[in-house]
Protein backbone atom coordinates (compact mmCIF):
# COMPACT_ATOMS: atom_id res chain seq x y z
CA MET A 1 151.85 20.91 -58.84
CA ALA A 2 152.95 17.51 -58.45
CA VAL A 3 156.17 18.76 -56.95
CA ALA A 4 154.59 20.86 -54.23
CA GLY A 5 152.53 17.77 -53.62
CA ARG A 6 155.41 15.84 -53.22
CA ASN A 7 156.89 18.46 -51.05
CA ILE A 8 154.38 18.21 -48.40
CA LEU A 9 153.97 14.58 -48.11
CA PRO A 10 156.62 13.94 -45.45
CA GLY A 11 155.09 16.40 -43.22
CA LEU A 12 151.56 15.62 -43.82
CA ALA A 13 152.42 11.99 -43.06
CA LEU A 14 153.99 12.87 -39.98
CA CYS A 15 150.98 14.69 -38.66
CA VAL A 16 148.64 11.75 -39.86
CA ALA A 17 150.71 9.52 -37.99
CA ILE A 18 150.50 11.44 -34.92
CA THR A 19 146.88 11.82 -35.44
CA ALA A 20 146.45 8.12 -35.72
CA ALA A 21 148.13 7.56 -32.27
CA ALA A 22 146.05 10.01 -30.62
CA ALA A 23 142.89 8.25 -31.88
CA VAL A 24 144.45 4.82 -30.63
CA ALA A 25 145.18 6.63 -27.13
CA GLN A 26 141.66 7.97 -26.86
CA LEU A 27 140.23 4.39 -28.03
CA VAL A 28 142.40 2.88 -25.14
CA GLU A 29 141.37 5.50 -22.62
CA THR A 30 137.53 4.78 -23.53
CA ARG A 31 138.20 0.84 -22.88
CA LEU A 32 140.05 1.65 -19.57
CA PHE A 33 137.63 4.34 -18.12
CA GLY A 34 134.28 4.03 -19.77
CA ARG A 35 134.92 7.43 -21.16
CA SER A 36 137.58 9.59 -22.73
CA TRP A 37 138.71 12.21 -20.50
CA LEU A 38 140.94 13.72 -22.97
CA GLU A 39 139.76 13.87 -26.54
CA ALA A 40 141.94 12.97 -29.43
CA LEU A 41 142.47 16.63 -30.52
CA VAL A 42 143.99 17.33 -27.24
CA ILE A 43 146.12 14.30 -27.28
CA ALA A 44 147.40 15.01 -30.77
CA ILE A 45 148.71 18.53 -29.77
CA LEU A 46 150.17 16.84 -26.79
CA LEU A 47 151.90 14.35 -28.90
CA GLY A 48 152.87 16.70 -31.66
CA THR A 49 154.60 18.78 -28.64
CA ALA A 50 156.20 15.76 -27.28
CA VAL A 51 157.91 14.99 -30.64
CA ARG A 52 158.92 18.60 -31.08
CA THR A 53 160.71 18.54 -27.64
CA ALA A 54 162.73 15.53 -28.46
CA TRP A 55 163.41 16.22 -32.15
CA THR A 56 163.39 19.47 -34.44
CA PRO A 57 162.04 18.70 -37.77
CA GLY A 58 164.31 19.22 -40.94
CA SER A 59 163.48 21.33 -43.67
CA ARG A 60 161.97 18.36 -45.75
CA TRP A 61 159.25 18.00 -42.96
CA ILE A 62 158.19 21.85 -43.00
CA PRO A 63 155.99 22.08 -45.95
CA GLY A 64 153.66 19.18 -44.93
CA ILE A 65 153.58 20.59 -41.48
CA GLU A 66 152.74 23.90 -42.43
CA PHE A 67 150.17 22.76 -44.78
CA SER A 68 148.55 20.62 -42.24
CA ALA A 69 148.54 23.58 -39.72
CA LYS A 70 146.66 26.06 -42.18
CA THR A 71 145.16 24.46 -45.08
CA LEU A 72 143.63 21.56 -43.65
CA LEU A 73 142.57 23.55 -40.51
CA GLU A 74 140.84 25.87 -42.94
CA VAL A 75 138.84 23.21 -44.72
CA ALA A 76 137.85 21.74 -41.15
CA VAL A 77 136.26 25.04 -40.28
CA VAL A 78 134.41 24.86 -43.95
CA LEU A 79 133.12 21.65 -42.91
CA LEU A 80 132.09 22.70 -39.72
CA GLY A 81 129.10 24.69 -41.55
CA ALA A 82 127.37 21.35 -42.06
CA THR A 83 126.57 20.93 -38.40
CA VAL A 84 124.39 24.15 -38.17
CA SER A 85 120.79 24.83 -39.96
CA ALA A 86 118.54 27.70 -40.21
CA ARG A 87 115.87 25.06 -38.86
CA MET A 88 117.97 24.51 -35.52
CA ILE A 89 118.57 28.11 -35.08
CA LEU A 90 114.93 29.42 -35.37
CA GLY A 91 114.03 26.28 -33.49
CA ALA A 92 115.19 27.93 -30.24
CA GLY A 93 113.06 31.06 -30.34
CA PRO A 94 113.92 34.81 -30.79
CA ALA A 95 114.32 35.27 -27.06
CA LEU A 96 116.54 32.36 -26.51
CA LEU A 97 118.40 33.42 -29.79
CA ALA A 98 119.12 37.06 -28.65
CA GLY A 99 120.01 35.67 -25.00
CA ILE A 100 122.75 33.37 -26.67
CA VAL A 101 124.17 36.29 -28.78
CA GLY A 102 124.26 38.37 -25.40
CA VAL A 103 126.14 35.62 -23.56
CA VAL A 104 128.73 35.09 -26.02
CA CYS A 105 129.20 39.06 -26.87
CA ILE A 106 129.57 39.55 -22.94
CA GLY A 107 131.99 36.42 -22.47
CA LEU A 108 134.08 37.78 -25.47
CA MET A 109 134.52 41.12 -23.87
CA ALA A 110 134.83 39.96 -20.59
CA SER A 111 137.30 37.35 -21.09
CA TYR A 112 139.62 39.21 -23.46
CA GLY A 113 139.53 42.10 -20.68
CA LEU A 114 140.65 39.46 -17.94
CA GLY A 115 143.28 38.06 -20.46
CA ARG A 116 144.67 41.75 -20.76
CA LEU A 117 144.34 42.42 -16.96
CA PHE A 118 146.67 39.40 -16.16
CA GLY A 119 149.05 40.68 -18.72
CA LEU A 120 148.42 38.07 -21.63
CA PRO A 121 149.56 39.11 -25.09
CA ARG A 122 146.62 40.38 -27.38
CA ARG A 123 146.58 37.56 -29.39
CA MET A 124 146.61 34.84 -26.64
CA ALA A 125 143.93 36.81 -24.80
CA THR A 126 141.65 36.70 -28.05
CA LEU A 127 142.27 33.29 -28.51
CA ILE A 128 141.16 32.33 -24.89
CA ALA A 129 138.01 34.73 -24.94
CA CYS A 130 137.04 32.95 -28.44
CA GLY A 131 137.45 29.65 -26.86
CA ASN A 132 135.77 30.33 -23.77
CA SER A 133 132.76 32.27 -25.23
CA ILE A 134 132.27 30.02 -28.53
CA CYS A 135 133.07 26.81 -28.89
CA GLY A 136 136.55 25.72 -27.37
CA ASN A 137 139.22 24.25 -29.53
CA SER A 138 137.47 24.66 -32.54
CA ALA A 139 136.96 28.63 -32.19
CA ILE A 140 140.77 28.83 -30.99
CA ALA A 141 141.78 26.80 -34.17
CA ALA A 142 139.80 29.01 -36.66
CA VAL A 143 140.80 32.32 -34.92
CA ALA A 144 144.43 31.52 -34.86
CA PRO A 145 145.30 32.26 -38.59
CA VAL A 146 143.05 35.11 -38.83
CA ILE A 147 144.96 37.11 -35.96
CA GLY A 148 148.15 35.61 -36.97
CA ALA A 149 148.57 33.78 -33.65
CA ASP A 150 151.57 31.00 -33.23
CA GLY A 151 152.08 27.58 -32.32
CA GLU A 152 152.65 28.37 -28.78
CA ASP A 153 149.76 30.65 -28.39
CA VAL A 154 147.32 27.98 -29.78
CA ALA A 155 148.85 24.98 -27.61
CA ALA A 156 148.82 26.96 -24.41
CA SER A 157 145.12 28.33 -25.12
CA ILE A 158 143.98 24.71 -26.13
CA ALA A 159 145.72 22.67 -23.54
CA PHE A 160 144.01 24.67 -20.48
CA THR A 161 140.92 25.09 -21.83
CA ALA A 162 140.92 21.46 -22.47
CA VAL A 163 141.68 20.72 -18.82
CA LEU A 164 138.95 22.99 -17.67
CA GLY A 165 136.47 21.63 -19.89
CA VAL A 166 136.93 18.05 -18.69
CA VAL A 167 136.50 19.76 -15.25
CA VAL A 168 133.01 21.41 -16.22
CA VAL A 169 131.79 18.17 -17.93
CA LEU A 170 132.11 16.20 -14.91
CA GLY A 171 131.00 19.09 -12.32
CA LEU A 172 127.95 20.42 -14.02
CA PRO A 173 125.41 17.13 -13.63
CA LEU A 174 126.31 17.45 -9.88
CA LEU A 175 125.56 21.36 -9.97
CA ALA A 176 122.15 20.45 -11.57
CA VAL A 177 121.24 18.20 -8.95
CA ALA A 178 122.56 20.38 -6.08
CA TRP A 179 120.79 23.55 -7.40
CA GLY A 180 117.61 21.49 -8.46
CA MET A 181 117.71 22.71 -12.03
CA THR A 182 114.77 21.70 -14.37
CA PRO A 183 116.15 19.49 -17.41
CA ARG A 184 115.12 22.55 -19.68
CA THR A 185 117.26 25.11 -17.36
CA PHE A 186 120.30 22.55 -17.39
CA GLY A 187 120.17 21.96 -21.11
CA VAL A 188 120.60 25.90 -21.74
CA PHE A 189 123.00 26.39 -19.05
CA ALA A 190 124.97 23.59 -20.46
CA GLY A 191 124.90 24.83 -24.02
CA LEU A 192 125.88 28.28 -23.11
CA THR A 193 128.82 27.01 -20.96
CA VAL A 194 130.57 23.93 -21.93
CA TYR A 195 133.13 24.25 -24.71
CA ALA A 196 132.33 21.43 -27.42
CA VAL A 197 129.29 19.59 -28.59
CA PRO A 198 130.41 16.12 -27.60
CA GLN A 199 131.30 17.78 -24.04
CA VAL A 200 127.63 19.13 -24.19
CA LEU A 201 126.23 15.57 -24.82
CA ALA A 202 128.55 14.41 -21.93
CA ALA A 203 127.47 16.68 -19.48
CA THR A 204 123.69 16.66 -20.24
CA ALA A 205 122.92 12.80 -20.83
CA PRO A 206 123.40 11.78 -17.41
CA ILE A 207 120.37 14.51 -16.65
CA SER A 208 117.65 13.67 -19.16
CA SER A 209 117.33 13.51 -22.79
CA LEU A 210 115.58 16.61 -22.97
CA SER A 211 118.61 18.32 -21.43
CA ALA A 212 120.83 16.81 -24.17
CA GLN A 213 118.80 18.12 -26.97
CA ILE A 214 118.20 21.61 -25.72
CA GLY A 215 121.92 21.83 -24.75
CA THR A 216 123.01 20.76 -28.07
CA LEU A 217 120.66 23.29 -29.76
CA VAL A 218 122.14 26.06 -27.56
CA LYS A 219 125.64 24.87 -28.33
CA LEU A 220 125.24 25.28 -32.16
CA VAL A 221 123.78 28.49 -32.15
CA ARG A 222 126.94 29.29 -30.32
CA VAL A 223 128.98 27.60 -33.05
CA LEU A 224 127.06 29.65 -35.50
CA MET A 225 128.46 32.86 -33.95
CA LEU A 226 132.15 31.65 -34.96
CA GLY A 227 131.74 32.94 -38.43
CA PRO A 228 130.68 36.51 -37.61
CA VAL A 229 133.26 36.64 -34.74
CA VAL A 230 136.08 35.78 -37.06
CA LEU A 231 134.76 38.22 -39.65
CA ALA A 232 134.87 40.89 -37.23
CA LEU A 233 138.25 39.91 -36.23
CA SER A 234 139.59 39.75 -39.64
CA LEU A 235 138.42 43.49 -40.32
CA LEU A 236 139.82 44.57 -36.92
CA VAL A 237 143.22 43.03 -37.83
CA ARG A 238 143.18 44.64 -41.28
CA ARG A 239 142.32 47.89 -40.03
CA GLU A 240 144.86 47.82 -37.30
CA ARG A 241 147.67 47.09 -39.98
CA GLY A 242 146.59 49.78 -42.09
CA GLU A 243 146.65 47.33 -45.00
CA PRO A 244 146.32 49.46 -48.63
CA ASP A 245 143.74 48.10 -51.52
CA GLU A 246 145.96 45.27 -53.10
CA THR A 247 143.82 46.02 -56.29
CA ALA A 248 144.53 49.60 -56.48
CA PRO A 249 147.02 50.80 -59.63
CA ALA A 250 150.55 51.40 -58.81
CA LEU A 251 151.12 54.92 -57.58
CA ALA A 252 153.15 57.38 -60.07
CA ALA A 253 156.33 59.05 -58.50
CA GLY A 254 155.40 61.65 -56.06
CA ASP A 255 151.73 60.90 -56.05
CA ARG A 256 150.08 60.94 -52.28
CA PRO A 257 148.94 57.24 -51.33
CA LYS A 258 145.07 56.77 -51.03
CA ARG A 259 143.59 54.11 -49.05
CA GLY A 260 141.35 52.09 -51.29
CA ARG A 261 138.47 49.77 -50.26
CA PRO A 262 139.34 46.29 -50.37
CA ALA A 263 137.47 43.89 -52.06
CA LEU A 264 135.17 41.29 -50.35
CA HIS A 265 137.74 38.36 -50.79
CA GLN A 266 140.34 40.35 -49.05
CA LEU A 267 138.16 41.20 -46.05
CA VAL A 268 136.61 37.84 -45.53
CA PRO A 269 138.65 34.84 -45.11
CA TRP A 270 137.95 32.27 -47.58
CA PHE A 271 136.99 29.80 -45.37
CA ILE A 272 134.33 31.60 -43.32
CA VAL A 273 132.66 32.27 -46.59
CA GLY A 274 133.09 28.80 -47.14
CA PHE A 275 131.46 28.13 -43.64
CA LEU A 276 128.56 30.39 -44.07
CA LEU A 277 127.64 28.61 -47.71
CA LEU A 278 127.75 25.34 -46.27
CA VAL A 279 125.31 26.77 -43.43
CA VAL A 280 123.28 27.73 -46.38
CA VAL A 281 123.20 24.47 -48.10
CA ARG A 282 122.41 22.55 -45.05
CA SER A 283 119.37 24.82 -44.36
CA THR A 284 118.02 24.53 -47.92
CA GLY A 285 118.19 20.54 -47.64
CA ALA A 286 120.30 20.47 -50.65
CA LEU A 287 122.99 18.44 -48.48
CA PRO A 288 121.66 14.80 -48.22
CA GLN A 289 121.08 13.50 -44.60
CA ALA A 290 123.31 10.89 -45.18
CA LEU A 291 126.39 13.04 -45.73
CA LEU A 292 126.05 14.78 -42.35
CA ASP A 293 127.73 12.46 -40.17
CA PRO A 294 130.92 11.73 -42.69
CA VAL A 295 131.23 15.58 -43.39
CA SER A 296 131.04 16.38 -39.60
CA HIS A 297 133.88 13.37 -38.85
CA ALA A 298 135.84 14.84 -41.63
CA ALA A 299 135.81 18.20 -40.07
CA THR A 300 136.94 16.68 -36.66
CA CYS A 301 139.75 14.51 -38.40
CA LEU A 302 141.09 17.40 -40.36
CA THR A 303 141.20 19.15 -37.03
CA ILE A 304 142.80 16.53 -35.31
CA VAL A 305 145.45 16.62 -38.00
CA SER A 306 146.17 20.29 -37.98
CA MET A 307 146.55 20.33 -34.01
CA ALA A 308 149.23 17.68 -34.49
CA ALA A 309 151.02 19.97 -36.89
CA LEU A 310 150.49 22.95 -34.40
CA GLY A 311 152.05 20.80 -31.71
CA LEU A 312 155.07 19.99 -33.74
CA GLY A 313 155.62 23.87 -33.78
CA VAL A 314 155.56 24.53 -30.16
CA ASP A 315 158.40 24.85 -27.61
CA ILE A 316 157.44 23.41 -24.49
CA ARG A 317 159.01 26.19 -22.36
CA VAL A 318 157.25 28.89 -23.67
CA VAL A 319 153.87 27.12 -22.82
CA GLY A 320 154.98 26.61 -19.33
CA LYS A 321 155.96 30.41 -18.88
CA ALA A 322 152.42 31.31 -19.58
CA GLY A 323 150.85 28.66 -17.26
CA PRO A 324 149.89 30.22 -14.17
CA ARG A 325 148.44 33.32 -16.17
CA VAL A 326 146.48 31.26 -18.91
CA THR A 327 145.08 29.15 -16.15
CA ALA A 328 143.72 32.10 -14.22
CA VAL A 329 142.16 33.71 -17.31
CA VAL A 330 140.37 30.53 -18.59
CA THR A 331 139.07 29.61 -15.14
CA LEU A 332 137.70 33.36 -14.32
CA SER A 333 136.28 33.66 -18.04
CA LEU A 334 134.52 30.39 -17.46
CA LEU A 335 132.92 31.47 -14.14
CA VAL A 336 132.02 34.91 -15.66
CA LEU A 337 130.34 33.20 -18.67
CA ALA A 338 128.56 30.87 -16.27
CA GLY A 339 127.34 33.90 -14.24
CA VAL A 340 126.03 35.76 -17.23
CA ALA A 341 124.20 32.74 -18.38
CA LEU A 342 122.54 32.00 -15.14
CA LEU A 343 121.48 35.47 -15.02
CA MET A 344 119.95 35.39 -18.54
CA ILE A 345 117.93 32.23 -17.83
CA ARG A 346 116.56 33.99 -14.99
CA VAL A 347 115.63 37.10 -17.20
CA LEU A 348 114.08 35.05 -19.80
CA GLY A 349 112.31 32.73 -17.46
CA LEU A 350 113.82 29.62 -19.02
CA THR A 351 112.75 27.39 -15.85
């Protein structure tokens, strides 16, 4: 155990250093421009990629980088469950809840279909679909280990999604004024289309506090969809691989192999179970209110460290080749999501 811990220290320290540099860069950006156009998460993956482009880490760095990219990311997904409670979800009302689920499902199918239509690999198309339809970078990061996506896929998906996310945050308030949206309508629309919770707040705050409250609520319900979607993808991937039951007894010579029924822990990633359990804990009130902000902050920090690690495994040339197609898919997917969101708002009369 101690040896394993020492093995991960160099790579982990490197990822933490890149994370610290990204945090400083975001702080400088905020001081200069009044807001951060690129979040520390995006800066971390860019810095990691830049380091990897200039220098190839040796074997002593690899264990810590892999630990940061996988284990820390899974812990961050678990902690994300503390941001969602049943009270928040039920407060939206059954009609709006059903509408949010419908928009997410349609967005997933449409975005994945567009990705495949533009010739993107299945894994990258899946990452973009989940990022656009659920919660941006967090969804991409959570889905990646389940479907076996590599660093290049994750980096490309996050990079282009992040750029478009900034455009959306800046453009949505202008659209709200141009289209004459009420604060409630705009809150629902922003919550259904903007990628991350902080971005929802940035987009809705200029309109009204009511828009920010409703937008955040809708966005948190979208975040909750991450659990069921990752579970469904895990089951789908396992079925496609045709993996047998690891708990089944060894076959005697000449016996015909039988496909067993996998145990629950084999079907459901542990971090999704942890995510859902933390949602339950938060909903029952067992999680002290004073811990909510620290837990949320810890989840954010661990995610940024993981993105730095992913950046350290990225070949920038591979990302560049996917650029035009990924940009087209991300943009068209967002437009489809926005159209479906507007249709849902009209059908439910949320004006």
